[in-house]
C-alpha cells in the first residue's frame, strides 16, 4: 500500500471515531504501566473495574511492594492469568524503585527489560503516558492491519515496523487507537462487518471477499 493510502485510511477512521483515546483509565505513567500489564488476555472494561479499586489503595511502587504476591493476587483475581501478573508487577515495582528511583522509565529499551513488559506494553506507556509516538500492536491492530493491507506479516514485530514505515510518525499513536477501535466495533475476529465498514474501498480483505468471489463465479460460468 502506498503511503498516501495509509494516510487516507487513518483519516477516514478518524472521522468515524473522533473521540478515540486510550481506554485504560489512569492518572500517571505508573498506573498506566500496571493497567497495561493487567490488560493482557483481558478486556479494558475488566481492567478498569479492578484498577478503579486498586489504585485507590495502592498508588506507588512502594505501596505495591507492601503486599505479598498472594495479597496482590486477591486484589486482581478477576483478571486473566492473575497469578503470573501479580508476580511480574511486584518484580517490576522492585526494579523501578531500585534502578529508576521510583519513576517509570520513558524509553523503550528500558521498559522492555521490566518483568512482564513487552513491546506492546512499552509502546502503550510511551505513547499515552509520555507523548512519545509509538504503535502498540495488540491482537486488534495485528488483525486489522493485515486484513486491510497496511501490513503483511504473521510476526508482531514486523507488523509494527511496516506500520511505522507507512504511517507518518505524528499519526502513530492515533493510528494505534483507531485500529483497536475499528477491530472491536467492525473488523471483528470471527465475522467482520464489511457491509458497513467505512474503509471497505481500501481493504484487501473486502476486495478479495467481494470481487474475488465474483471473478471466480464468472470464470466458473464462463461469463
N, C-alpha and C. Protein backbone atom coordinates (compact mmCIF):
# COMPACT_ATOMS: atom_id res chain seq x y z
N UNK A 1 0.84 -1.20 0.00
CA UNK A 1 0.00 0.00 0.00
C UNK A 1 0.87 1.25 0.00
N UNK A 2 0.55 2.22 -0.86
CA UNK A 2 1.30 3.46 -0.92
C UNK A 2 1.05 4.30 0.33
N UNK A 3 2.04 5.14 0.67
CA UNK A 3 1.95 5.93 1.90
C UNK A 3 0.71 6.82 1.92
N UNK A 4 0.33 7.36 0.77
CA UNK A 4 -0.86 8.23 0.72
C UNK A 4 -2.11 7.45 1.10
N UNK A 5 -2.13 6.14 0.80
CA UNK A 5 -3.29 5.33 1.14
C UNK A 5 -3.33 4.99 2.62
N UNK A 6 -2.15 4.84 3.24
CA UNK A 6 -2.10 4.67 4.69
C UNK A 6 -2.76 5.88 5.35
N UNK A 7 -2.36 7.06 4.91
CA UNK A 7 -2.90 8.29 5.48
C UNK A 7 -4.39 8.39 5.26
N UNK A 8 -4.85 8.00 4.06
CA UNK A 8 -6.27 8.05 3.73
C UNK A 8 -7.07 7.17 4.67
N UNK A 9 -6.59 5.95 4.91
CA UNK A 9 -7.28 5.03 5.81
C UNK A 9 -7.38 5.62 7.21
N UNK A 10 -6.28 6.18 7.70
CA UNK A 10 -6.28 6.76 9.04
C UNK A 10 -7.23 7.96 9.12
N UNK A 11 -7.25 8.77 8.08
CA UNK A 11 -8.13 9.94 8.07
C UNK A 11 -9.60 9.53 8.06
N UNK A 12 -9.94 8.50 7.33
CA UNK A 12 -11.32 8.02 7.30
C UNK A 12 -11.73 7.47 8.67
N UNK A 13 -10.85 6.69 9.27
CA UNK A 13 -11.14 6.13 10.58
C UNK A 13 -11.25 7.22 11.64
N UNK A 14 -10.46 8.28 11.49
CA UNK A 14 -10.52 9.39 12.44
C UNK A 14 -11.88 10.08 12.39
N UNK A 15 -12.44 10.20 11.20
CA UNK A 15 -13.77 10.78 11.05
C UNK A 15 -14.84 9.87 11.67
N UNK A 16 -14.62 8.57 11.56
CA UNK A 16 -15.56 7.60 12.10
C UNK A 16 -15.51 7.54 13.62
N UNK A 17 -14.31 7.72 14.18
CA UNK A 17 -14.12 7.62 15.63
C UNK A 17 -13.41 8.88 16.15
N UNK A 18 -14.08 10.02 16.15
CA UNK A 18 -13.43 11.29 16.53
C UNK A 18 -13.04 11.37 18.00
N UNK A 19 -13.64 10.53 18.84
CA UNK A 19 -13.38 10.59 20.27
C UNK A 19 -12.41 9.51 20.75
N UNK A 20 -11.71 8.89 19.81
CA UNK A 20 -10.85 7.77 20.16
C UNK A 20 -9.73 8.18 21.12
N UNK A 21 -9.43 7.29 22.07
CA UNK A 21 -8.39 7.57 23.07
C UNK A 21 -8.01 6.26 23.76
N UNK A 22 -7.03 6.32 24.63
CA UNK A 22 -6.66 5.17 25.43
C UNK A 22 -7.82 4.83 26.36
N UNK A 23 -8.26 3.58 26.34
CA UNK A 23 -9.42 3.18 27.13
C UNK A 23 -9.06 2.77 28.55
N UNK A 24 -7.79 2.58 28.82
CA UNK A 24 -7.36 2.22 30.18
C UNK A 24 -7.30 3.47 31.05
N UNK A 25 -8.08 3.49 32.10
CA UNK A 25 -8.15 4.66 32.97
C UNK A 25 -6.89 4.74 33.84
N UNK A 26 -6.24 5.91 33.81
CA UNK A 26 -5.01 6.10 34.57
C UNK A 26 -4.80 7.59 34.81
N UNK A 27 -3.96 7.92 35.78
CA UNK A 27 -3.67 9.33 36.07
C UNK A 27 -2.18 9.63 36.03
N UNK A 28 -1.36 8.61 35.80
CA UNK A 28 0.09 8.82 35.71
C UNK A 28 0.73 7.63 35.01
N UNK A 29 2.00 7.74 34.64
CA UNK A 29 2.68 6.64 33.92
C UNK A 29 2.69 5.32 34.68
N UNK A 30 2.85 5.37 35.99
CA UNK A 30 2.89 4.13 36.76
C UNK A 30 1.56 3.39 36.69
N UNK A 31 0.46 4.12 36.86
CA UNK A 31 -0.86 3.50 36.78
C UNK A 31 -1.11 2.90 35.41
N UNK A 32 -0.68 3.61 34.36
CA UNK A 32 -0.88 3.08 33.01
C UNK A 32 -0.03 1.83 32.80
N UNK A 33 1.18 1.81 33.32
CA UNK A 33 2.04 0.64 33.19
C UNK A 33 1.36 -0.57 33.84
N UNK A 34 0.88 -0.40 35.05
CA UNK A 34 0.23 -1.51 35.75
C UNK A 34 -1.05 -1.94 35.03
N UNK A 35 -1.85 -0.99 34.60
CA UNK A 35 -3.09 -1.30 33.90
C UNK A 35 -2.82 -2.06 32.60
N UNK A 36 -1.79 -1.65 31.89
CA UNK A 36 -1.46 -2.31 30.62
C UNK A 36 -0.93 -3.71 30.86
N UNK A 37 -0.15 -3.90 31.90
CA UNK A 37 0.32 -5.24 32.26
C UNK A 37 -0.87 -6.14 32.59
N UNK A 38 -1.86 -5.59 33.23
CA UNK A 38 -3.04 -6.37 33.59
C UNK A 38 -3.93 -6.68 32.38
N UNK A 39 -3.82 -5.87 31.34
CA UNK A 39 -4.75 -5.98 30.21
C UNK A 39 -4.51 -7.16 29.28
N UNK A 40 -3.35 -7.81 29.38
CA UNK A 40 -3.06 -8.96 28.53
C UNK A 40 -4.10 -10.06 28.76
N UNK A 41 -4.72 -10.52 27.68
CA UNK A 41 -5.74 -11.57 27.74
C UNK A 41 -6.90 -11.19 28.65
N UNK A 42 -7.21 -9.89 28.67
CA UNK A 42 -8.35 -9.40 29.43
C UNK A 42 -8.92 -8.20 28.69
N UNK A 43 -10.08 -7.74 29.11
CA UNK A 43 -10.69 -6.58 28.46
C UNK A 43 -10.39 -5.31 29.24
N UNK A 44 -10.38 -4.19 28.55
CA UNK A 44 -10.15 -2.91 29.22
C UNK A 44 -11.23 -2.66 30.27
N UNK A 45 -12.45 -3.09 29.98
CA UNK A 45 -13.56 -2.89 30.92
C UNK A 45 -13.28 -3.59 32.24
N UNK A 46 -12.80 -4.83 32.16
CA UNK A 46 -12.49 -5.58 33.38
C UNK A 46 -11.31 -4.97 34.12
N UNK A 47 -10.29 -4.57 33.36
CA UNK A 47 -9.12 -3.95 33.98
C UNK A 47 -9.51 -2.66 34.71
N UNK A 48 -10.31 -1.83 34.06
CA UNK A 48 -10.73 -0.57 34.68
C UNK A 48 -11.54 -0.80 35.94
N UNK A 49 -12.31 -1.86 35.96
CA UNK A 49 -13.09 -2.19 37.15
C UNK A 49 -12.16 -2.55 38.30
N UNK A 50 -11.14 -3.34 38.00
CA UNK A 50 -10.20 -3.77 39.04
C UNK A 50 -9.30 -2.61 39.49
N UNK A 51 -8.77 -1.85 38.53
CA UNK A 51 -7.85 -0.76 38.91
C UNK A 51 -8.59 0.40 39.57
N UNK A 52 -9.89 0.51 39.33
CA UNK A 52 -10.66 1.56 40.00
C UNK A 52 -10.56 1.45 41.50
N UNK A 53 -10.53 0.22 41.98
CA UNK A 53 -10.37 -0.03 43.42
C UNK A 53 -8.90 -0.12 43.80
N UNK A 54 -8.11 -0.76 42.96
CA UNK A 54 -6.70 -1.00 43.24
C UNK A 54 -5.92 0.29 43.42
N UNK A 55 -6.11 1.25 42.51
CA UNK A 55 -5.32 2.47 42.55
C UNK A 55 -5.75 3.43 43.66
N UNK A 56 -6.89 3.19 44.25
CA UNK A 56 -7.28 4.00 45.41
C UNK A 56 -6.49 3.59 46.65
N UNK A 57 -6.12 2.32 46.68
CA UNK A 57 -5.40 1.80 47.85
C UNK A 57 -3.89 1.77 47.66
N UNK A 58 -3.46 1.57 46.43
CA UNK A 58 -2.03 1.43 46.14
C UNK A 58 -1.65 2.35 44.99
N UNK A 59 -0.90 3.40 45.30
CA UNK A 59 -0.65 4.45 44.32
C UNK A 59 0.77 4.49 43.77
N UNK A 60 1.69 3.86 44.45
CA UNK A 60 3.11 3.93 44.05
C UNK A 60 3.73 2.53 44.08
N UNK A 61 4.91 2.37 43.50
CA UNK A 61 5.61 1.08 43.59
C UNK A 61 5.83 0.66 45.04
N UNK A 62 6.12 1.61 45.90
CA UNK A 62 6.34 1.30 47.33
C UNK A 62 5.07 0.70 47.94
N UNK A 63 3.92 1.28 47.60
CA UNK A 63 2.64 0.77 48.11
C UNK A 63 2.42 -0.68 47.68
N UNK A 64 2.73 -0.97 46.41
CA UNK A 64 2.53 -2.33 45.91
C UNK A 64 3.46 -3.32 46.59
N UNK A 65 4.67 -2.90 46.88
CA UNK A 65 5.64 -3.81 47.49
C UNK A 65 5.35 -4.10 48.96
N UNK A 66 4.38 -3.38 49.52
CA UNK A 66 3.94 -3.69 50.89
C UNK A 66 3.05 -4.93 50.88
N UNK A 67 2.65 -5.36 49.67
CA UNK A 67 1.79 -6.54 49.52
C UNK A 67 2.63 -7.78 49.26
N UNK A 68 2.15 -8.91 49.73
CA UNK A 68 2.72 -10.18 49.31
C UNK A 68 2.12 -10.53 47.96
N UNK A 69 2.70 -11.49 47.26
CA UNK A 69 2.13 -11.88 45.98
C UNK A 69 0.71 -12.40 46.15
N UNK A 70 0.48 -13.16 47.21
CA UNK A 70 -0.85 -13.71 47.46
C UNK A 70 -1.87 -12.60 47.71
N UNK A 71 -1.46 -11.57 48.41
CA UNK A 71 -2.37 -10.44 48.68
C UNK A 71 -2.70 -9.70 47.40
N UNK A 72 -1.70 -9.49 46.54
CA UNK A 72 -1.95 -8.81 45.27
C UNK A 72 -2.83 -9.67 44.37
N UNK A 73 -2.63 -10.97 44.40
CA UNK A 73 -3.47 -11.87 43.61
C UNK A 73 -4.94 -11.71 43.97
N UNK A 74 -5.24 -11.56 45.25
CA UNK A 74 -6.62 -11.38 45.69
C UNK A 74 -7.21 -10.07 45.15
N UNK A 75 -6.35 -9.06 45.01
CA UNK A 75 -6.81 -7.76 44.53
C UNK A 75 -7.14 -7.79 43.03
N UNK A 76 -6.48 -8.67 42.29
CA UNK A 76 -6.63 -8.67 40.83
C UNK A 76 -7.18 -9.99 40.29
N UNK A 77 -7.80 -10.79 41.12
CA UNK A 77 -8.20 -12.14 40.74
C UNK A 77 -9.26 -12.18 39.63
N UNK A 78 -9.93 -11.05 39.37
CA UNK A 78 -10.90 -11.02 38.26
C UNK A 78 -10.21 -10.96 36.90
N UNK A 79 -8.91 -10.68 36.91
CA UNK A 79 -8.15 -10.55 35.67
C UNK A 79 -7.57 -11.90 35.25
N UNK A 80 -7.50 -12.14 33.95
CA UNK A 80 -6.92 -13.37 33.44
C UNK A 80 -5.46 -13.52 33.83
N UNK A 81 -5.02 -14.77 34.00
CA UNK A 81 -3.65 -15.13 34.43
C UNK A 81 -3.13 -14.20 35.53
N UNK A 82 -3.94 -14.01 36.55
CA UNK A 82 -3.64 -13.02 37.59
C UNK A 82 -2.43 -13.40 38.45
N UNK A 83 -2.17 -14.69 38.61
CA UNK A 83 -1.03 -15.07 39.45
C UNK A 83 0.29 -14.63 38.83
N UNK A 84 0.44 -14.90 37.55
CA UNK A 84 1.68 -14.51 36.87
C UNK A 84 1.80 -12.99 36.80
N UNK A 85 0.67 -12.31 36.61
CA UNK A 85 0.69 -10.86 36.55
C UNK A 85 1.07 -10.25 37.89
N UNK A 86 0.55 -10.82 38.97
CA UNK A 86 0.90 -10.32 40.30
C UNK A 86 2.39 -10.45 40.55
N UNK A 87 2.95 -11.59 40.15
CA UNK A 87 4.38 -11.81 40.32
C UNK A 87 5.20 -10.78 39.54
N UNK A 88 4.84 -10.57 38.28
CA UNK A 88 5.59 -9.62 37.44
C UNK A 88 5.42 -8.17 37.91
N UNK A 89 4.24 -7.82 38.37
CA UNK A 89 4.00 -6.46 38.86
C UNK A 89 4.92 -6.16 40.05
N UNK A 90 5.02 -7.09 40.97
CA UNK A 90 5.87 -6.87 42.15
C UNK A 90 7.34 -6.82 41.76
N UNK A 91 7.75 -7.68 40.84
CA UNK A 91 9.13 -7.65 40.37
C UNK A 91 9.44 -6.33 39.65
N UNK A 92 8.49 -5.86 38.88
CA UNK A 92 8.65 -4.60 38.16
C UNK A 92 8.72 -3.42 39.13
N UNK A 93 7.86 -3.42 40.12
CA UNK A 93 7.88 -2.35 41.13
C UNK A 93 9.23 -2.30 41.83
N UNK A 94 9.76 -3.47 42.14
CA UNK A 94 11.06 -3.54 42.80
C UNK A 94 12.15 -2.95 41.91
N UNK A 95 12.12 -3.27 40.62
CA UNK A 95 13.11 -2.74 39.68
C UNK A 95 12.97 -1.23 39.51
N UNK A 96 11.74 -0.75 39.46
CA UNK A 96 11.50 0.69 39.29
C UNK A 96 12.08 1.46 40.47
N UNK A 97 11.93 0.91 41.66
CA UNK A 97 12.46 1.58 42.85
C UNK A 97 13.99 1.53 42.88
N UNK A 98 14.54 0.35 42.64
CA UNK A 98 15.98 0.17 42.77
C UNK A 98 16.78 0.82 41.65
N UNK A 99 16.24 0.76 40.42
CA UNK A 99 17.02 1.22 39.27
C UNK A 99 16.59 2.57 38.72
N UNK A 100 15.34 2.98 39.00
CA UNK A 100 14.85 4.23 38.40
C UNK A 100 14.29 5.21 39.41
N UNK A 101 14.66 5.03 40.67
CA UNK A 101 14.27 5.99 41.69
C UNK A 101 12.77 6.11 41.89
N UNK A 102 12.06 5.04 41.59
CA UNK A 102 10.61 5.04 41.78
C UNK A 102 9.83 5.61 40.62
N UNK A 103 10.51 6.00 39.55
CA UNK A 103 9.86 6.59 38.39
C UNK A 103 9.86 5.60 37.22
N UNK A 104 8.77 5.55 36.49
CA UNK A 104 8.69 4.68 35.31
C UNK A 104 9.61 5.23 34.23
N UNK A 105 10.51 4.42 33.69
CA UNK A 105 11.41 4.90 32.64
C UNK A 105 10.64 5.25 31.37
N UNK A 106 11.17 6.20 30.61
CA UNK A 106 10.45 6.66 29.41
C UNK A 106 11.19 6.32 28.12
N UNK A 107 11.84 5.16 28.11
CA UNK A 107 12.48 4.71 26.87
C UNK A 107 12.08 3.26 26.63
N UNK A 108 11.94 2.91 25.37
CA UNK A 108 11.54 1.55 25.01
C UNK A 108 12.53 0.52 25.52
N UNK A 109 13.82 0.78 25.32
CA UNK A 109 14.84 -0.18 25.72
C UNK A 109 14.84 -0.47 27.21
N UNK A 110 14.51 0.54 28.00
CA UNK A 110 14.45 0.34 29.45
C UNK A 110 13.16 -0.35 29.86
N UNK A 111 12.07 0.06 29.28
CA UNK A 111 10.77 -0.51 29.64
C UNK A 111 10.71 -2.01 29.38
N UNK A 112 11.22 -2.45 28.24
CA UNK A 112 11.10 -3.86 27.89
C UNK A 112 12.01 -4.77 28.72
N UNK A 113 12.86 -4.18 29.56
CA UNK A 113 13.66 -5.01 30.47
C UNK A 113 12.89 -5.32 31.75
N UNK A 114 11.77 -4.63 31.97
CA UNK A 114 10.99 -4.86 33.19
C UNK A 114 10.21 -6.17 33.06
N UNK A 115 10.10 -6.94 34.14
CA UNK A 115 9.39 -8.22 34.10
C UNK A 115 7.93 -8.05 33.65
N UNK A 116 7.52 -8.84 32.66
CA UNK A 116 6.14 -8.79 32.19
C UNK A 116 5.84 -7.66 31.24
N UNK A 117 6.87 -6.92 30.82
CA UNK A 117 6.67 -5.78 29.92
C UNK A 117 7.30 -6.08 28.56
N UNK A 118 6.45 -6.25 27.54
CA UNK A 118 6.93 -6.46 26.18
C UNK A 118 6.80 -5.18 25.37
N UNK A 119 7.02 -5.28 24.08
CA UNK A 119 6.98 -4.09 23.22
C UNK A 119 5.59 -3.44 23.22
N UNK A 120 4.54 -4.25 23.22
CA UNK A 120 3.20 -3.68 23.18
C UNK A 120 2.94 -2.82 24.42
N UNK A 121 3.21 -3.38 25.58
CA UNK A 121 3.00 -2.64 26.83
C UNK A 121 3.87 -1.39 26.87
N UNK A 122 5.13 -1.55 26.49
CA UNK A 122 6.05 -0.42 26.49
C UNK A 122 5.56 0.69 25.56
N UNK A 123 5.10 0.34 24.38
CA UNK A 123 4.62 1.35 23.43
C UNK A 123 3.35 2.04 23.89
N UNK A 124 2.48 1.30 24.58
CA UNK A 124 1.28 1.92 25.15
C UNK A 124 1.67 2.99 26.16
N UNK A 125 2.62 2.66 27.02
CA UNK A 125 3.07 3.60 28.05
C UNK A 125 3.77 4.80 27.41
N UNK A 126 4.67 4.55 26.48
CA UNK A 126 5.41 5.64 25.83
C UNK A 126 4.47 6.62 25.16
N UNK A 127 3.49 6.09 24.41
CA UNK A 127 2.63 6.96 23.61
C UNK A 127 1.58 7.68 24.45
N UNK A 128 1.03 7.00 25.43
CA UNK A 128 -0.09 7.58 26.17
C UNK A 128 0.32 8.29 27.47
N UNK A 129 1.42 7.87 28.06
CA UNK A 129 1.85 8.50 29.31
C UNK A 129 2.92 9.56 29.09
N UNK A 130 3.75 9.36 28.05
CA UNK A 130 4.86 10.28 27.82
C UNK A 130 4.74 11.07 26.52
N UNK A 131 3.72 10.80 25.73
CA UNK A 131 3.53 11.53 24.48
C UNK A 131 4.57 11.25 23.42
N UNK A 132 5.21 10.09 23.52
CA UNK A 132 6.22 9.69 22.54
C UNK A 132 5.54 8.84 21.47
N UNK A 133 5.59 9.24 20.20
CA UNK A 133 4.90 8.49 19.14
C UNK A 133 5.32 7.02 19.12
N UNK A 134 4.33 6.14 19.10
CA UNK A 134 4.60 4.70 19.07
C UNK A 134 3.34 3.98 18.60
N UNK A 135 3.53 2.78 18.04
CA UNK A 135 2.41 1.95 17.62
C UNK A 135 2.48 0.65 18.40
N UNK A 136 1.54 0.47 19.30
CA UNK A 136 1.47 -0.76 20.08
C UNK A 136 0.62 -1.77 19.31
N UNK A 137 1.19 -2.89 18.97
CA UNK A 137 0.47 -3.89 18.17
C UNK A 137 -0.13 -4.95 19.09
N UNK A 138 -1.43 -4.80 19.36
CA UNK A 138 -2.14 -5.82 20.11
C UNK A 138 -2.88 -6.71 19.12
N UNK A 139 -3.75 -7.57 19.60
CA UNK A 139 -4.45 -8.51 18.72
C UNK A 139 -5.32 -7.81 17.69
N UNK A 140 -5.94 -6.67 18.07
CA UNK A 140 -6.79 -5.94 17.14
C UNK A 140 -5.97 -5.26 16.05
N UNK A 141 -4.92 -4.57 16.45
CA UNK A 141 -4.06 -3.88 15.50
C UNK A 141 -3.44 -4.88 14.52
N UNK A 142 -3.00 -6.01 15.05
CA UNK A 142 -2.39 -7.05 14.22
C UNK A 142 -3.38 -7.58 13.18
N UNK A 143 -4.59 -7.91 13.63
CA UNK A 143 -5.61 -8.47 12.73
C UNK A 143 -6.06 -7.47 11.68
N UNK A 144 -6.42 -6.28 12.11
CA UNK A 144 -6.97 -5.27 11.20
C UNK A 144 -5.92 -4.81 10.19
N UNK A 145 -4.69 -4.62 10.64
CA UNK A 145 -3.62 -4.18 9.75
C UNK A 145 -3.38 -5.18 8.62
N UNK A 146 -3.37 -6.46 8.97
CA UNK A 146 -3.15 -7.49 7.96
C UNK A 146 -4.34 -7.62 7.02
N UNK A 147 -5.54 -7.49 7.55
CA UNK A 147 -6.73 -7.59 6.70
C UNK A 147 -6.80 -6.45 5.70
N UNK A 148 -6.60 -5.25 6.18
CA UNK A 148 -6.70 -4.08 5.31
C UNK A 148 -5.62 -4.11 4.24
N UNK A 149 -4.41 -4.44 4.68
CA UNK A 149 -3.27 -4.39 3.77
C UNK A 149 -2.26 -3.35 4.21
N UNK A 150 -2.43 -2.82 5.43
CA UNK A 150 -1.46 -1.88 5.98
C UNK A 150 -0.17 -2.61 6.34
N UNK A 151 -0.31 -3.91 6.58
CA UNK A 151 0.84 -4.75 6.89
C UNK A 151 0.58 -6.14 6.33
N UNK A 152 1.66 -6.89 6.21
CA UNK A 152 1.53 -8.27 5.73
C UNK A 152 2.61 -9.10 6.39
N UNK A 153 2.27 -9.67 7.54
CA UNK A 153 3.23 -10.49 8.27
C UNK A 153 2.51 -11.25 9.38
N UNK A 154 3.03 -12.41 9.71
CA UNK A 154 2.48 -13.16 10.84
C UNK A 154 3.33 -12.95 12.10
N UNK A 155 4.23 -11.96 12.03
CA UNK A 155 5.07 -11.61 13.17
C UNK A 155 4.71 -10.22 13.67
N UNK A 156 4.46 -10.13 14.96
CA UNK A 156 4.02 -8.86 15.56
C UNK A 156 5.05 -7.75 15.35
N UNK A 157 6.31 -8.04 15.59
CA UNK A 157 7.35 -7.01 15.45
C UNK A 157 7.44 -6.50 14.01
N UNK A 158 7.23 -7.39 13.06
CA UNK A 158 7.30 -6.99 11.65
C UNK A 158 6.11 -6.12 11.28
N UNK A 159 4.94 -6.44 11.82
CA UNK A 159 3.76 -5.61 11.58
C UNK A 159 3.99 -4.21 12.13
N UNK A 160 4.58 -4.13 13.31
CA UNK A 160 4.90 -2.83 13.91
C UNK A 160 5.82 -2.03 12.99
N UNK A 161 6.86 -2.67 12.47
CA UNK A 161 7.80 -1.99 11.59
C UNK A 161 7.12 -1.50 10.31
N UNK A 162 6.27 -2.33 9.74
CA UNK A 162 5.59 -1.96 8.49
C UNK A 162 4.63 -0.79 8.72
N UNK A 163 3.93 -0.79 9.83
CA UNK A 163 3.02 0.32 10.14
C UNK A 163 3.82 1.61 10.37
N UNK A 164 4.93 1.51 11.06
CA UNK A 164 5.76 2.68 11.32
C UNK A 164 6.35 3.22 10.02
N UNK A 165 6.60 2.33 9.08
CA UNK A 165 7.15 2.75 7.79
C UNK A 165 6.11 3.44 6.92
N UNK A 166 4.87 2.97 6.98
CA UNK A 166 3.83 3.51 6.11
C UNK A 166 3.08 4.70 6.67
N UNK A 167 2.97 4.76 8.00
CA UNK A 167 2.19 5.83 8.64
C UNK A 167 3.13 6.92 9.15
N UNK A 168 2.84 8.20 8.89
CA UNK A 168 3.68 9.28 9.41
C UNK A 168 3.80 9.21 10.93
N UNK A 169 4.97 9.51 11.45
CA UNK A 169 5.24 9.36 12.88
C UNK A 169 4.23 10.10 13.77
N UNK A 170 3.82 11.28 13.35
CA UNK A 170 2.89 12.05 14.18
C UNK A 170 1.52 11.39 14.28
N UNK A 171 1.25 10.38 13.43
CA UNK A 171 -0.04 9.70 13.44
C UNK A 171 0.04 8.32 14.08
N UNK A 172 1.20 7.92 14.56
CA UNK A 172 1.37 6.57 15.09
C UNK A 172 0.42 6.27 16.25
N UNK A 173 0.42 7.14 17.24
CA UNK A 173 -0.42 6.90 18.42
C UNK A 173 -1.90 6.90 18.05
N UNK A 174 -2.29 7.85 17.25
CA UNK A 174 -3.68 7.92 16.80
C UNK A 174 -4.05 6.66 16.03
N UNK A 175 -3.18 6.22 15.13
CA UNK A 175 -3.44 5.03 14.32
C UNK A 175 -3.65 3.81 15.22
N UNK A 176 -2.84 3.70 16.25
CA UNK A 176 -2.97 2.59 17.20
C UNK A 176 -4.38 2.54 17.79
N UNK A 177 -4.86 3.68 18.28
CA UNK A 177 -6.18 3.72 18.90
C UNK A 177 -7.30 3.48 17.87
N UNK A 178 -7.14 4.02 16.68
CA UNK A 178 -8.16 3.86 15.65
C UNK A 178 -8.29 2.41 15.21
N UNK A 179 -7.17 1.74 15.02
CA UNK A 179 -7.21 0.34 14.58
C UNK A 179 -7.80 -0.56 15.66
N UNK A 180 -7.51 -0.26 16.92
CA UNK A 180 -8.11 -1.02 18.02
C UNK A 180 -9.62 -0.84 18.02
N UNK A 181 -10.05 0.39 17.94
CA UNK A 181 -11.50 0.69 17.97
C UNK A 181 -12.22 0.04 16.80
N UNK A 182 -11.62 0.12 15.62
CA UNK A 182 -12.23 -0.47 14.43
C UNK A 182 -12.29 -2.00 14.56
N UNK A 183 -11.24 -2.57 15.15
CA UNK A 183 -11.22 -4.01 15.36
C UNK A 183 -12.28 -4.48 16.33
N UNK A 184 -12.57 -3.66 17.32
CA UNK A 184 -13.58 -4.03 18.31
C UNK A 184 -15.01 -3.85 17.78
N UNK A 185 -15.22 -2.79 17.02
CA UNK A 185 -16.58 -2.46 16.60
C UNK A 185 -16.99 -3.03 15.25
N UNK A 186 -16.06 -3.12 14.32
CA UNK A 186 -16.42 -3.51 12.95
C UNK A 186 -15.62 -4.73 12.46
N UNK A 187 -14.32 -4.64 12.52
CA UNK A 187 -13.46 -5.69 11.94
C UNK A 187 -13.21 -6.78 12.97
N UNK A 188 -14.28 -7.44 13.38
CA UNK A 188 -14.20 -8.47 14.40
C UNK A 188 -13.40 -9.68 13.92
N UNK A 189 -12.93 -10.46 14.86
CA UNK A 189 -12.09 -11.60 14.53
C UNK A 189 -12.86 -12.66 13.73
N UNK A 190 -14.06 -13.00 14.17
CA UNK A 190 -14.78 -14.10 13.54
C UNK A 190 -15.67 -13.67 12.38
N UNK A 191 -16.31 -12.51 12.52
CA UNK A 191 -17.24 -12.09 11.48
C UNK A 191 -17.17 -10.58 11.27
N UNK A 192 -16.21 -10.12 10.46
CA UNK A 192 -16.10 -8.68 10.21
C UNK A 192 -17.33 -8.13 9.50
N UNK A 193 -17.72 -6.91 9.88
CA UNK A 193 -18.93 -6.31 9.31
C UNK A 193 -18.58 -5.47 8.09
N UNK A 194 -18.13 -6.16 7.04
CA UNK A 194 -17.65 -5.48 5.84
C UNK A 194 -18.72 -4.62 5.18
N UNK A 195 -19.98 -5.02 5.34
CA UNK A 195 -21.07 -4.30 4.68
C UNK A 195 -21.28 -2.90 5.22
N UNK A 196 -20.78 -2.62 6.43
CA UNK A 196 -20.94 -1.28 6.99
C UNK A 196 -19.58 -0.63 7.30
N UNK A 197 -18.52 -1.21 6.77
CA UNK A 197 -17.17 -0.72 7.05
C UNK A 197 -16.86 0.52 6.21
N UNK A 198 -16.38 1.56 6.85
CA UNK A 198 -16.12 2.84 6.16
C UNK A 198 -14.84 2.80 5.32
N UNK A 199 -14.02 1.78 5.52
CA UNK A 199 -12.78 1.69 4.73
C UNK A 199 -12.79 0.47 3.81
N UNK A 200 -13.96 -0.04 3.50
CA UNK A 200 -14.06 -1.24 2.66
C UNK A 200 -13.44 -1.02 1.28
N UNK A 201 -13.50 0.21 0.78
CA UNK A 201 -12.93 0.50 -0.54
C UNK A 201 -11.40 0.45 -0.53
N UNK A 202 -10.82 0.46 0.66
CA UNK A 202 -9.35 0.46 0.78
C UNK A 202 -8.84 -0.84 1.41
N UNK A 203 -9.70 -1.83 1.51
CA UNK A 203 -9.38 -3.04 2.27
C UNK A 203 -9.17 -4.25 1.37
N UNK A 204 -8.03 -4.88 1.51
CA UNK A 204 -7.73 -6.09 0.74
C UNK A 204 -8.70 -7.22 1.04
N UNK A 205 -9.06 -7.36 2.31
CA UNK A 205 -9.96 -8.44 2.72
C UNK A 205 -11.33 -8.27 2.05
N UNK A 206 -11.85 -7.04 2.07
CA UNK A 206 -13.15 -6.78 1.44
C UNK A 206 -13.08 -7.01 -0.06
N UNK A 207 -11.99 -6.60 -0.66
CA UNK A 207 -11.84 -6.78 -2.11
C UNK A 207 -11.84 -8.26 -2.46
N UNK A 208 -11.06 -9.03 -1.74
CA UNK A 208 -10.96 -10.46 -2.04
C UNK A 208 -12.29 -11.17 -1.81
N UNK A 209 -13.02 -10.77 -0.79
CA UNK A 209 -14.28 -11.44 -0.46
C UNK A 209 -15.45 -10.95 -1.29
N UNK A 210 -15.25 -9.85 -2.01
CA UNK A 210 -16.32 -9.35 -2.89
C UNK A 210 -15.98 -9.62 -4.34
N UNK A 211 -14.94 -9.00 -4.83
CA UNK A 211 -14.58 -9.14 -6.25
C UNK A 211 -13.92 -10.48 -6.54
N UNK A 212 -13.18 -11.00 -5.55
CA UNK A 212 -12.54 -12.29 -5.76
C UNK A 212 -13.56 -13.38 -5.97
N UNK A 213 -14.59 -13.40 -5.13
CA UNK A 213 -15.63 -14.41 -5.26
C UNK A 213 -16.42 -14.21 -6.56
N UNK A 214 -16.65 -12.93 -6.91
CA UNK A 214 -17.39 -12.63 -8.14
C UNK A 214 -16.61 -13.10 -9.37
N UNK A 215 -15.32 -12.81 -9.37
CA UNK A 215 -14.49 -13.22 -10.51
C UNK A 215 -14.42 -14.74 -10.65
N UNK A 216 -14.32 -15.43 -9.51
CA UNK A 216 -14.30 -16.89 -9.55
C UNK A 216 -15.61 -17.45 -10.09
N UNK A 217 -16.72 -16.81 -9.69
CA UNK A 217 -18.03 -17.24 -10.18
C UNK A 217 -18.14 -17.03 -11.68
N UNK A 218 -17.62 -15.89 -12.15
CA UNK A 218 -17.65 -15.60 -13.57
C UNK A 218 -16.83 -16.64 -14.37
N UNK A 219 -15.68 -16.99 -13.83
CA UNK A 219 -14.84 -17.95 -14.51
C UNK A 219 -15.51 -19.33 -14.57
N UNK A 220 -16.15 -19.69 -13.46
CA UNK A 220 -16.83 -20.99 -13.41
C UNK A 220 -17.98 -21.06 -14.41
N UNK A 221 -18.62 -19.92 -14.62
CA UNK A 221 -19.78 -19.90 -15.53
C UNK A 221 -19.43 -19.33 -16.89
N UNK A 222 -18.12 -19.08 -17.09
CA UNK A 222 -17.61 -18.57 -18.38
C UNK A 222 -18.33 -17.28 -18.79
N UNK A 223 -18.48 -16.38 -17.80
CA UNK A 223 -19.15 -15.10 -18.07
C UNK A 223 -18.12 -14.06 -18.54
